[in-house]
Amino acid sequence: MQDQEKMQDQVEQAIPPQDSAAAEQPAQAQAQSQAQSGPTLEERLAAAEAKASEMQDAYLRAKADGENIRRRAQEDVAKAHKFAIENFAEALVPVKDSLEMALKLDTPSVESLKEGVEMTLKQLASAFERNRLQEINPVPGEKLDPMKHQAISMVPADQEANTIVTVLQKGYMIADRLLRPALVTVAQ
């Protein structure tokens, strides 16, 4: 029995008596520490929702801006395709006018026709130059370039093999793009 009494005394010492004032103190201390430490859970949730709403608005605006830029770029490309030939056409109109004027002459002389054709050819060459249309007119003896020349035949010649002997037809390039290769014969 003595052992039981000792154990009970030990238990009573280990567990303090519960007092209502003592129980309220830790709860008040916890509430005060929460108030001092920062916003409540509801306030934090409201702030996070406001931030999410701002981010969603910013995202939607950025997406709309991207769509507008894409649409404008597509319109610009469509206009560029539609009117790409406009400059070239403007350069060719005077050439056509010159040819029509030559045909209107009642009694053209060979000399006047030749002069008119030369002037028209100069206008055409100027139009080609302004629009970056370049002739490919290789000289005999030049090395064959398969990117610019098309060999029609190989002929025996007194020059190095795979060099141009004669030019049958000039070629043309627009800027750096081949429009038509020059037709040539090459040495065997």
N, C-alpha and C. Protein backbone atom coordinates (compact mmCIF):
# COMPACT_ATOMS: atom_id res chain seq x y z
N MET A 1 0.79 -1.18 0.00
CA MET A 1 0.00 0.00 0.00
C MET A 1 0.83 1.24 0.00
N GLN A 2 1.83 1.15 0.72
CA GLN A 2 2.69 2.31 0.77
C GLN A 2 3.17 2.64 -0.64
N ASP A 3 3.36 1.60 -1.40
CA ASP A 3 3.81 1.83 -2.77
C ASP A 3 2.73 2.56 -3.57
N GLN A 4 1.50 2.24 -3.32
CA GLN A 4 0.41 2.90 -4.03
C GLN A 4 0.32 4.35 -3.61
N GLU A 5 0.47 4.64 -2.39
CA GLU A 5 0.42 6.03 -1.92
C GLU A 5 1.55 6.83 -2.51
N LYS A 6 2.69 6.26 -2.60
CA LYS A 6 3.84 6.95 -3.16
C LYS A 6 3.59 7.27 -4.64
N MET A 7 3.03 6.33 -5.33
CA MET A 7 2.77 6.55 -6.74
C MET A 7 1.72 7.64 -6.94
N GLN A 8 0.72 7.67 -6.12
CA GLN A 8 -0.31 8.67 -6.23
C GLN A 8 0.27 10.04 -5.93
N ASP A 9 1.12 10.15 -4.95
CA ASP A 9 1.77 11.42 -4.65
C ASP A 9 2.60 11.89 -5.84
N GLN A 10 3.26 10.98 -6.47
CA GLN A 10 4.09 11.34 -7.62
C GLN A 10 3.23 11.83 -8.79
N VAL A 11 2.12 11.18 -8.98
CA VAL A 11 1.21 11.57 -10.07
C VAL A 11 0.65 12.95 -9.79
N GLU A 12 0.25 13.21 -8.56
CA GLU A 12 -0.31 14.52 -8.22
C GLU A 12 0.73 15.61 -8.40
N GLN A 13 1.95 15.33 -8.12
CA GLN A 13 3.00 16.33 -8.30
C GLN A 13 3.27 16.57 -9.79
N ALA A 14 3.19 15.54 -10.59
CA ALA A 14 3.47 15.67 -12.01
C ALA A 14 2.35 16.43 -12.75
N ILE A 15 1.10 16.23 -12.35
CA ILE A 15 -0.03 16.90 -13.00
C ILE A 15 -0.46 18.04 -12.12
N PRO A 16 -0.31 19.29 -12.57
CA PRO A 16 -0.75 20.41 -11.75
C PRO A 16 -2.26 20.50 -11.77
N PRO A 17 -2.84 21.05 -10.75
CA PRO A 17 -4.28 21.19 -10.72
C PRO A 17 -4.73 22.13 -11.83
N GLN A 18 -5.86 21.85 -12.49
CA GLN A 18 -6.33 22.66 -13.59
C GLN A 18 -7.17 23.79 -13.08
N ASP A 19 -6.69 24.93 -13.43
CA ASP A 19 -7.33 26.17 -13.01
C ASP A 19 -7.84 26.84 -14.27
N SER A 20 -9.03 27.40 -14.27
CA SER A 20 -9.59 28.02 -15.46
C SER A 20 -8.79 29.23 -15.87
N ALA A 21 -8.26 29.99 -14.98
CA ALA A 21 -7.44 31.16 -15.31
C ALA A 21 -6.14 30.72 -15.94
N ALA A 22 -5.59 29.63 -15.45
CA ALA A 22 -4.34 29.12 -15.99
C ALA A 22 -4.55 28.58 -17.40
N ALA A 23 -5.70 28.00 -17.68
CA ALA A 23 -6.00 27.47 -19.01
C ALA A 23 -6.19 28.59 -20.01
N GLU A 24 -6.73 29.73 -19.59
CA GLU A 24 -6.97 30.85 -20.50
C GLU A 24 -5.67 31.55 -20.88
N GLN A 25 -4.70 31.52 -20.01
CA GLN A 25 -3.44 32.23 -20.27
C GLN A 25 -2.75 31.71 -21.52
N PRO A 26 -2.58 30.41 -21.74
CA PRO A 26 -1.92 29.96 -22.96
C PRO A 26 -2.71 30.32 -24.22
N ALA A 27 -4.04 30.26 -24.18
CA ALA A 27 -4.86 30.60 -25.34
C ALA A 27 -4.71 32.08 -25.68
N GLN A 28 -4.71 32.95 -24.67
CA GLN A 28 -4.53 34.39 -24.91
C GLN A 28 -3.14 34.66 -25.44
N ALA A 29 -2.17 33.99 -24.91
CA ALA A 29 -0.78 34.18 -25.36
C ALA A 29 -0.65 33.76 -26.82
N GLN A 30 -1.35 32.66 -27.18
CA GLN A 30 -1.29 32.19 -28.56
C GLN A 30 -1.96 33.20 -29.49
N ALA A 31 -3.10 33.77 -29.12
CA ALA A 31 -3.80 34.76 -29.94
C ALA A 31 -2.96 36.01 -30.09
N GLN A 32 -2.32 36.44 -29.00
CA GLN A 32 -1.47 37.63 -29.07
C GLN A 32 -0.27 37.38 -29.98
N SER A 33 0.31 36.19 -29.89
CA SER A 33 1.47 35.91 -30.72
C SER A 33 1.07 35.85 -32.20
N GLN A 34 -0.16 35.36 -32.50
CA GLN A 34 -0.64 35.34 -33.88
C GLN A 34 -0.86 36.75 -34.38
N ALA A 35 -1.42 37.61 -33.57
CA ALA A 35 -1.67 39.00 -33.95
C ALA A 35 -0.36 39.72 -34.21
N GLN A 36 0.62 39.41 -33.41
CA GLN A 36 1.92 40.06 -33.58
C GLN A 36 2.68 39.47 -34.76
N SER A 37 2.50 38.18 -35.04
CA SER A 37 3.30 37.52 -36.07
C SER A 37 2.83 37.87 -37.48
N GLY A 38 1.60 38.26 -37.74
CA GLY A 38 1.20 38.61 -39.09
C GLY A 38 -0.28 38.46 -39.30
N PRO A 39 -0.69 38.51 -40.59
CA PRO A 39 -2.11 38.46 -40.92
C PRO A 39 -2.70 37.08 -40.64
N THR A 40 -3.99 37.10 -40.51
CA THR A 40 -4.70 35.85 -40.27
C THR A 40 -4.77 35.05 -41.56
N LEU A 41 -5.23 33.85 -41.43
CA LEU A 41 -5.34 32.96 -42.58
C LEU A 41 -6.30 33.53 -43.62
N GLU A 42 -7.40 34.12 -43.17
CA GLU A 42 -8.38 34.70 -44.10
C GLU A 42 -7.78 35.88 -44.86
N GLU A 43 -7.01 36.69 -44.16
CA GLU A 43 -6.38 37.85 -44.81
C GLU A 43 -5.36 37.39 -45.85
N ARG A 44 -4.61 36.36 -45.51
CA ARG A 44 -3.62 35.84 -46.46
C ARG A 44 -4.30 35.24 -47.68
N LEU A 45 -5.42 34.56 -47.48
CA LEU A 45 -6.17 33.98 -48.59
C LEU A 45 -6.70 35.09 -49.50
N ALA A 46 -7.26 36.14 -48.92
CA ALA A 46 -7.79 37.26 -49.71
C ALA A 46 -6.67 37.92 -50.52
N ALA A 47 -5.49 38.09 -49.92
CA ALA A 47 -4.36 38.69 -50.63
C ALA A 47 -3.91 37.79 -51.78
N ALA A 48 -3.88 36.48 -51.56
CA ALA A 48 -3.47 35.55 -52.61
C ALA A 48 -4.48 35.55 -53.76
N GLU A 49 -5.77 35.62 -53.44
CA GLU A 49 -6.80 35.67 -54.49
C GLU A 49 -6.68 36.95 -55.30
N ALA A 50 -6.40 38.08 -54.64
CA ALA A 50 -6.23 39.35 -55.36
C ALA A 50 -5.02 39.27 -56.28
N LYS A 51 -3.93 38.68 -55.82
CA LYS A 51 -2.72 38.54 -56.62
C LYS A 51 -2.98 37.63 -57.83
N ALA A 52 -3.72 36.53 -57.60
CA ALA A 52 -4.05 35.62 -58.69
C ALA A 52 -4.92 36.32 -59.73
N SER A 53 -5.84 37.15 -59.29
CA SER A 53 -6.70 37.90 -60.20
C SER A 53 -5.87 38.87 -61.03
N GLU A 54 -4.91 39.54 -60.40
CA GLU A 54 -4.02 40.47 -61.12
C GLU A 54 -3.21 39.72 -62.17
N MET A 55 -2.68 38.57 -61.79
CA MET A 55 -1.87 37.78 -62.71
C MET A 55 -2.69 37.27 -63.89
N GLN A 56 -3.93 36.87 -63.63
CA GLN A 56 -4.79 36.40 -64.70
C GLN A 56 -5.09 37.53 -65.67
N ASP A 57 -5.35 38.72 -65.15
CA ASP A 57 -5.61 39.88 -65.99
C ASP A 57 -4.39 40.21 -66.85
N ALA A 58 -3.21 40.19 -66.23
CA ALA A 58 -1.98 40.47 -66.97
C ALA A 58 -1.75 39.42 -68.06
N TYR A 59 -2.02 38.16 -67.75
CA TYR A 59 -1.88 37.09 -68.72
C TYR A 59 -2.82 37.29 -69.91
N LEU A 60 -4.08 37.60 -69.62
CA LEU A 60 -5.05 37.80 -70.70
C LEU A 60 -4.68 38.98 -71.58
N ARG A 61 -4.17 40.05 -70.97
CA ARG A 61 -3.74 41.21 -71.77
C ARG A 61 -2.54 40.85 -72.65
N ALA A 62 -1.57 40.13 -72.09
CA ALA A 62 -0.40 39.72 -72.87
C ALA A 62 -0.80 38.80 -74.01
N LYS A 63 -1.74 37.89 -73.75
CA LYS A 63 -2.21 36.98 -74.79
C LYS A 63 -2.90 37.76 -75.91
N ALA A 64 -3.72 38.74 -75.56
CA ALA A 64 -4.41 39.56 -76.57
C ALA A 64 -3.39 40.37 -77.38
N ASP A 65 -2.38 40.91 -76.71
CA ASP A 65 -1.34 41.65 -77.43
C ASP A 65 -0.62 40.74 -78.42
N GLY A 66 -0.30 39.53 -77.99
CA GLY A 66 0.36 38.57 -78.88
C GLY A 66 -0.49 38.24 -80.09
N GLU A 67 -1.77 38.04 -79.88
CA GLU A 67 -2.69 37.75 -80.99
C GLU A 67 -2.76 38.93 -81.96
N ASN A 68 -2.81 40.15 -81.42
CA ASN A 68 -2.85 41.34 -82.28
C ASN A 68 -1.58 41.47 -83.11
N ILE A 69 -0.44 41.22 -82.50
CA ILE A 69 0.83 41.30 -83.23
C ILE A 69 0.88 40.24 -84.33
N ARG A 70 0.44 39.01 -84.01
CA ARG A 70 0.43 37.94 -85.00
C ARG A 70 -0.49 38.28 -86.17
N ARG A 71 -1.66 38.82 -85.86
CA ARG A 71 -2.63 39.18 -86.91
C ARG A 71 -2.07 40.29 -87.81
N ARG A 72 -1.46 41.32 -87.18
CA ARG A 72 -0.87 42.41 -87.98
C ARG A 72 0.26 41.89 -88.86
N ALA A 73 1.07 41.00 -88.33
CA ALA A 73 2.17 40.44 -89.12
C ALA A 73 1.64 39.64 -90.30
N GLN A 74 0.58 38.87 -90.11
CA GLN A 74 -0.03 38.13 -91.21
C GLN A 74 -0.57 39.07 -92.28
N GLU A 75 -1.20 40.16 -91.85
CA GLU A 75 -1.72 41.14 -92.81
C GLU A 75 -0.58 41.78 -93.59
N ASP A 76 0.53 42.10 -92.90
CA ASP A 76 1.69 42.70 -93.58
C ASP A 76 2.28 41.75 -94.61
N VAL A 77 2.37 40.47 -94.26
CA VAL A 77 2.91 39.48 -95.20
C VAL A 77 1.97 39.34 -96.40
N ALA A 78 0.68 39.32 -96.15
CA ALA A 78 -0.29 39.20 -97.25
C ALA A 78 -0.18 40.41 -98.19
N LYS A 79 -0.04 41.61 -97.61
CA LYS A 79 0.11 42.81 -98.44
C LYS A 79 1.42 42.76 -99.22
N ALA A 80 2.48 42.30 -98.59
CA ALA A 80 3.78 42.20 -99.27
C ALA A 80 3.69 41.25 -100.45
N HIS A 81 3.01 40.11 -100.27
CA HIS A 81 2.85 39.17 -101.38
C HIS A 81 1.99 39.78 -102.49
N LYS A 82 0.95 40.45 -102.09
CA LYS A 82 0.01 41.02 -103.07
C LYS A 82 0.66 42.12 -103.90
N PHE A 83 1.47 42.97 -103.24
CA PHE A 83 2.03 44.12 -103.93
C PHE A 83 3.53 44.01 -104.18
N ALA A 84 4.09 42.82 -104.08
CA ALA A 84 5.53 42.64 -104.27
C ALA A 84 5.97 43.04 -105.67
N ILE A 85 5.16 42.81 -106.63
CA ILE A 85 5.52 43.10 -108.01
C ILE A 85 5.24 44.56 -108.40
N GLU A 86 4.67 45.31 -107.49
CA GLU A 86 4.27 46.69 -107.80
C GLU A 86 5.44 47.53 -108.30
N ASN A 87 6.58 47.48 -107.61
CA ASN A 87 7.74 48.28 -108.03
C ASN A 87 8.22 47.88 -109.42
N PHE A 88 8.25 46.57 -109.66
CA PHE A 88 8.69 46.09 -110.96
C PHE A 88 7.72 46.53 -112.05
N ALA A 89 6.44 46.46 -111.76
CA ALA A 89 5.43 46.88 -112.74
C ALA A 89 5.56 48.38 -113.04
N GLU A 90 5.80 49.18 -112.01
CA GLU A 90 5.99 50.63 -112.23
C GLU A 90 7.20 50.90 -113.12
N ALA A 91 8.23 50.09 -112.99
CA ALA A 91 9.43 50.27 -113.81
C ALA A 91 9.19 49.82 -115.26
N LEU A 92 8.28 48.87 -115.47
CA LEU A 92 8.03 48.36 -116.82
C LEU A 92 7.02 49.18 -117.63
N VAL A 93 6.20 49.95 -116.97
CA VAL A 93 5.19 50.75 -117.68
C VAL A 93 5.83 51.70 -118.70
N PRO A 94 6.90 52.44 -118.36
CA PRO A 94 7.52 53.30 -119.38
C PRO A 94 8.07 52.51 -120.57
N VAL A 95 8.53 51.31 -120.36
CA VAL A 95 9.03 50.48 -121.45
C VAL A 95 7.90 50.17 -122.42
N LYS A 96 6.76 49.80 -121.87
CA LYS A 96 5.59 49.52 -122.71
C LYS A 96 5.15 50.77 -123.47
N ASP A 97 5.17 51.92 -122.79
CA ASP A 97 4.81 53.18 -123.45
C ASP A 97 5.73 53.46 -124.64
N SER A 98 7.02 53.23 -124.45
CA SER A 98 7.98 53.47 -125.54
C SER A 98 7.72 52.55 -126.72
N LEU A 99 7.43 51.29 -126.46
CA LEU A 99 7.15 50.36 -127.55
C LEU A 99 5.88 50.76 -128.29
N GLU A 100 4.86 51.19 -127.57
CA GLU A 100 3.61 51.61 -128.22
C GLU A 100 3.83 52.86 -129.07
N MET A 101 4.64 53.80 -128.57
CA MET A 101 4.92 55.00 -129.36
C MET A 101 5.66 54.65 -130.65
N ALA A 102 6.56 53.68 -130.58
CA ALA A 102 7.29 53.26 -131.78
C ALA A 102 6.33 52.66 -132.82
N LEU A 103 5.34 51.95 -132.35
CA LEU A 103 4.39 51.34 -133.28
C LEU A 103 3.43 52.36 -133.89
N LYS A 104 3.25 53.51 -133.26
CA LYS A 104 2.33 54.53 -133.77
C LYS A 104 2.90 55.34 -134.92
N LEU A 105 4.21 55.27 -135.11
CA LEU A 105 4.82 56.03 -136.20
C LEU A 105 4.30 55.54 -137.55
N ASP A 106 3.89 56.51 -138.41
CA ASP A 106 3.33 56.14 -139.71
C ASP A 106 4.40 55.59 -140.65
N THR A 107 5.46 56.31 -140.76
CA THR A 107 6.52 55.88 -141.68
C THR A 107 7.84 55.83 -140.91
N PRO A 108 8.03 54.81 -140.13
CA PRO A 108 9.28 54.74 -139.37
C PRO A 108 10.45 54.36 -140.28
N SER A 109 11.54 55.03 -140.06
CA SER A 109 12.76 54.65 -140.79
C SER A 109 13.50 53.62 -139.96
N VAL A 110 14.39 52.93 -140.60
CA VAL A 110 15.16 51.90 -139.90
C VAL A 110 15.98 52.56 -138.79
N GLU A 111 16.49 53.73 -139.09
CA GLU A 111 17.31 54.46 -138.11
C GLU A 111 16.47 54.86 -136.88
N SER A 112 15.28 55.37 -137.10
CA SER A 112 14.43 55.79 -135.97
C SER A 112 13.97 54.58 -135.16
N LEU A 113 13.66 53.47 -135.84
CA LEU A 113 13.29 52.26 -135.13
C LEU A 113 14.45 51.74 -134.27
N LYS A 114 15.64 51.76 -134.84
CA LYS A 114 16.81 51.29 -134.11
C LYS A 114 17.05 52.18 -132.89
N GLU A 115 16.94 53.47 -133.06
CA GLU A 115 17.12 54.41 -131.94
C GLU A 115 16.06 54.19 -130.86
N GLY A 116 14.83 53.98 -131.27
CA GLY A 116 13.74 53.73 -130.31
C GLY A 116 13.94 52.43 -129.55
N VAL A 117 14.39 51.40 -130.26
CA VAL A 117 14.63 50.11 -129.61
C VAL A 117 15.78 50.23 -128.61
N GLU A 118 16.82 50.97 -128.96
CA GLU A 118 17.95 51.16 -128.05
C GLU A 118 17.51 51.91 -126.79
N MET A 119 16.69 52.93 -126.95
CA MET A 119 16.19 53.68 -125.79
C MET A 119 15.30 52.79 -124.92
N THR A 120 14.47 51.99 -125.57
CA THR A 120 13.60 51.08 -124.83
C THR A 120 14.42 50.04 -124.08
N LEU A 121 15.46 49.53 -124.71
CA LEU A 121 16.34 48.57 -124.04
C LEU A 121 17.03 49.20 -122.83
N LYS A 122 17.42 50.46 -122.93
CA LYS A 122 18.02 51.15 -121.79
C LYS A 122 17.01 51.29 -120.64
N GLN A 123 15.76 51.60 -120.99
CA GLN A 123 14.72 51.69 -119.96
C GLN A 123 14.51 50.33 -119.28
N LEU A 124 14.51 49.29 -120.09
CA LEU A 124 14.32 47.95 -119.56
C LEU A 124 15.50 47.55 -118.66
N ALA A 125 16.71 47.84 -119.09
CA ALA A 125 17.90 47.53 -118.28
C ALA A 125 17.86 48.30 -116.96
N SER A 126 17.39 49.55 -117.01
CA SER A 126 17.27 50.35 -115.79
C SER A 126 16.22 49.76 -114.85
N ALA A 127 15.11 49.29 -115.42
CA ALA A 127 14.07 48.65 -114.60
C ALA A 127 14.60 47.38 -113.96
N PHE A 128 15.36 46.61 -114.72
CA PHE A 128 15.96 45.39 -114.17
C PHE A 128 16.91 45.74 -113.03
N GLU A 129 17.73 46.75 -113.23
CA GLU A 129 18.72 47.13 -112.21
C GLU A 129 18.04 47.61 -110.92
N ARG A 130 17.02 48.44 -111.05
CA ARG A 130 16.30 48.94 -109.86
C ARG A 130 15.65 47.81 -109.07
N ASN A 131 15.25 46.76 -109.76
CA ASN A 131 14.57 45.65 -109.10
C ASN A 131 15.49 44.45 -108.88
N ARG A 132 16.77 44.66 -108.95
CA ARG A 132 17.81 43.67 -108.66
C ARG A 132 17.70 42.42 -109.51
N LEU A 133 17.30 42.60 -110.77
CA LEU A 133 17.27 41.51 -111.74
C LEU A 133 18.57 41.60 -112.53
N GLN A 134 19.44 40.59 -112.36
CA GLN A 134 20.78 40.65 -112.95
C GLN A 134 20.94 39.61 -114.04
N GLU A 135 21.67 39.99 -115.08
CA GLU A 135 21.97 39.06 -116.17
C GLU A 135 23.07 38.11 -115.75
N ILE A 136 22.98 36.89 -116.25
CA ILE A 136 24.08 35.94 -116.14
C ILE A 136 24.54 35.72 -117.57
N ASN A 137 25.66 36.33 -117.92
CA ASN A 137 26.20 36.23 -119.27
C ASN A 137 27.67 35.83 -119.16
N PRO A 138 27.94 34.53 -119.02
CA PRO A 138 29.32 34.10 -118.85
C PRO A 138 30.14 34.31 -120.12
N VAL A 139 31.43 34.47 -119.93
CA VAL A 139 32.34 34.65 -121.07
C VAL A 139 32.96 33.30 -121.41
N PRO A 140 33.28 33.09 -122.69
CA PRO A 140 33.94 31.83 -123.07
C PRO A 140 35.25 31.65 -122.29
N GLY A 141 35.48 30.43 -121.86
CA GLY A 141 36.67 30.12 -121.06
C GLY A 141 36.39 30.12 -119.57
N GLU A 142 35.26 30.67 -119.16
CA GLU A 142 34.89 30.69 -117.74
C GLU A 142 34.51 29.28 -117.31
N LYS A 143 34.81 28.96 -116.06
CA LYS A 143 34.50 27.64 -115.50
C LYS A 143 32.97 27.48 -115.40
N LEU A 144 32.47 26.29 -115.69
CA LEU A 144 31.04 26.00 -115.60
C LEU A 144 30.61 26.02 -114.13
N ASP A 145 29.58 26.80 -113.83
CA ASP A 145 29.01 26.86 -112.48
C ASP A 145 27.60 26.28 -112.56
N PRO A 146 27.40 25.05 -112.07
CA PRO A 146 26.08 24.42 -112.19
C PRO A 146 24.97 25.16 -111.44
N MET A 147 25.35 26.08 -110.56
CA MET A 147 24.34 26.86 -109.84
C MET A 147 23.81 28.03 -110.70
N LYS A 148 24.56 28.39 -111.77
CA LYS A 148 24.15 29.51 -112.63
C LYS A 148 24.05 29.14 -114.10
N HIS A 149 24.70 28.06 -114.51
CA HIS A 149 24.76 27.68 -115.92
C HIS A 149 24.15 26.30 -116.12
N GLN A 150 23.57 26.13 -117.31
CA GLN A 150 23.04 24.82 -117.68
C GLN A 150 23.75 24.41 -118.96
N ALA A 151 24.51 23.32 -118.89
CA ALA A 151 25.25 22.83 -120.06
C ALA A 151 24.29 22.07 -120.97
N ILE A 152 24.20 22.52 -122.21
CA ILE A 152 23.32 21.88 -123.18
C ILE A 152 24.06 20.74 -123.87
N SER A 153 25.33 20.99 -124.16
CA SER A 153 26.12 19.94 -124.81
C SER A 153 27.59 20.15 -124.51
N MET A 154 28.37 19.08 -124.77
CA MET A 154 29.82 19.14 -124.62
C MET A 154 30.40 19.05 -126.02
N VAL A 155 31.31 19.96 -126.30
CA VAL A 155 31.90 20.00 -127.63
C VAL A 155 33.42 19.93 -127.50
N PRO A 156 34.08 19.36 -128.48
CA PRO A 156 35.55 19.37 -128.44
C PRO A 156 36.05 20.79 -128.63
N ALA A 157 37.02 21.19 -127.81
CA ALA A 157 37.54 22.55 -127.90
C ALA A 157 38.98 22.57 -127.43
N ASP A 158 39.68 23.65 -127.79
CA ASP A 158 41.08 23.81 -127.42
C ASP A 158 41.21 24.52 -126.08
N GLN A 159 40.35 24.25 -125.16
CA GLN A 159 40.42 24.88 -123.84
C GLN A 159 40.19 23.82 -122.77
N GLU A 160 40.36 24.21 -121.54
CA GLU A 160 40.24 23.29 -120.41
C GLU A 160 38.84 22.67 -120.37
N ALA A 161 38.78 21.42 -119.90
CA ALA A 161 37.49 20.72 -119.79
C ALA A 161 36.59 21.43 -118.78
N ASN A 162 35.28 21.33 -119.01
CA ASN A 162 34.24 21.95 -118.16
C ASN A 162 34.35 23.47 -118.11
N THR A 163 34.81 24.05 -119.20
CA THR A 163 34.78 25.51 -119.32
C THR A 163 33.80 25.86 -120.44
N ILE A 164 33.28 27.06 -120.39
CA ILE A 164 32.24 27.49 -121.34
C ILE A 164 32.86 27.81 -122.69
N VAL A 165 32.25 27.24 -123.73
CA VAL A 165 32.70 27.50 -125.10
C VAL A 165 31.83 28.60 -125.70
N THR A 166 30.51 28.44 -125.64
CA THR A 166 29.60 29.46 -126.18
C THR A 166 28.39 29.61 -125.25
N VAL A 167 27.80 30.81 -125.31
CA VAL A 167 26.59 31.09 -124.55
C VAL A 167 25.43 31.10 -125.55
N LEU A 168 24.48 30.21 -125.34
CA LEU A 168 23.32 30.12 -126.23
C LEU A 168 22.20 31.06 -125.80
N GLN A 169 22.07 31.25 -124.49
CA GLN A 169 21.03 32.13 -123.95
C GLN A 169 21.48 32.63 -122.59
N LYS A 170 21.29 33.94 -122.35
CA LYS A 170 21.65 34.53 -121.06
C LYS A 170 20.75 33.98 -119.96
N GLY A 171 21.26 34.00 -118.75
CA GLY A 171 20.46 33.63 -117.60
C GLY A 171 20.15 34.87 -116.78
N TYR A 172 19.30 34.72 -115.76
CA TYR A 172 18.93 35.86 -114.91
C TYR A 172 18.79 35.43 -113.47
N MET A 173 19.13 36.34 -112.58
CA MET A 173 18.98 36.15 -111.14
C MET A 173 18.21 37.32 -110.58
N ILE A 174 17.36 37.04 -109.59
CA ILE A 174 16.71 38.11 -108.82
C ILE A 174 17.37 38.08 -107.46
N ALA A 175 18.09 39.16 -107.16
CA ALA A 175 18.89 39.24 -105.94
C ALA A 175 19.84 38.05 -105.94
N ASP A 176 19.72 37.12 -105.02
CA ASP A 176 20.60 35.96 -104.96
C ASP A 176 19.92 34.68 -105.41
N ARG A 177 18.75 34.79 -105.99
CA ARG A 177 17.98 33.62 -106.41
C ARG A 177 18.02 33.49 -107.93
N LEU A 178 18.29 32.27 -108.38
CA LEU A 178 18.36 32.00 -109.81
C LEU A 178 16.96 31.99 -110.41
N LEU A 179 16.76 32.83 -111.42
CA LEU A 179 15.47 32.86 -112.12
C LEU A 179 15.52 31.93 -113.33
N ARG A 180 16.61 32.04 -114.10
CA ARG A 180 16.80 31.16 -115.26
C ARG A 180 18.30 30.99 -115.46
N PRO A 181 18.78 29.74 -115.59
CA PRO A 181 20.22 29.55 -115.80
C PRO A 181 20.62 29.93 -117.22
N ALA A 182 21.87 30.29 -117.39
CA ALA A 182 22.40 30.57 -118.73
C ALA A 182 22.61 29.24 -119.45
N LEU A 183 22.15 29.15 -120.69
CA LEU A 183 22.33 27.94 -121.49
C LEU A 183 23.66 28.04 -122.21
N VAL A 184 24.52 27.06 -121.99
CA VAL A 184 25.89 27.11 -122.54
C VAL A 184 26.29 25.77 -123.11
N THR A 185 27.35 25.81 -123.96
CA THR A 185 28.02 24.59 -124.37
C THR A 185 29.37 24.60 -123.65
N VAL A 186 29.87 23.43 -123.31
CA VAL A 186 31.12 23.34 -122.56
C VAL A 186 32.12 22.47 -123.29
N ALA A 187 33.37 22.70 -122.95
CA ALA A 187 34.46 21.93 -123.56
C ALA A 187 34.51 20.53 -122.95
N GLN A 188 34.87 19.54 -123.79
CA GLN A 188 35.00 18.17 -123.29
C GLN A 188 36.27 18.02 -122.49
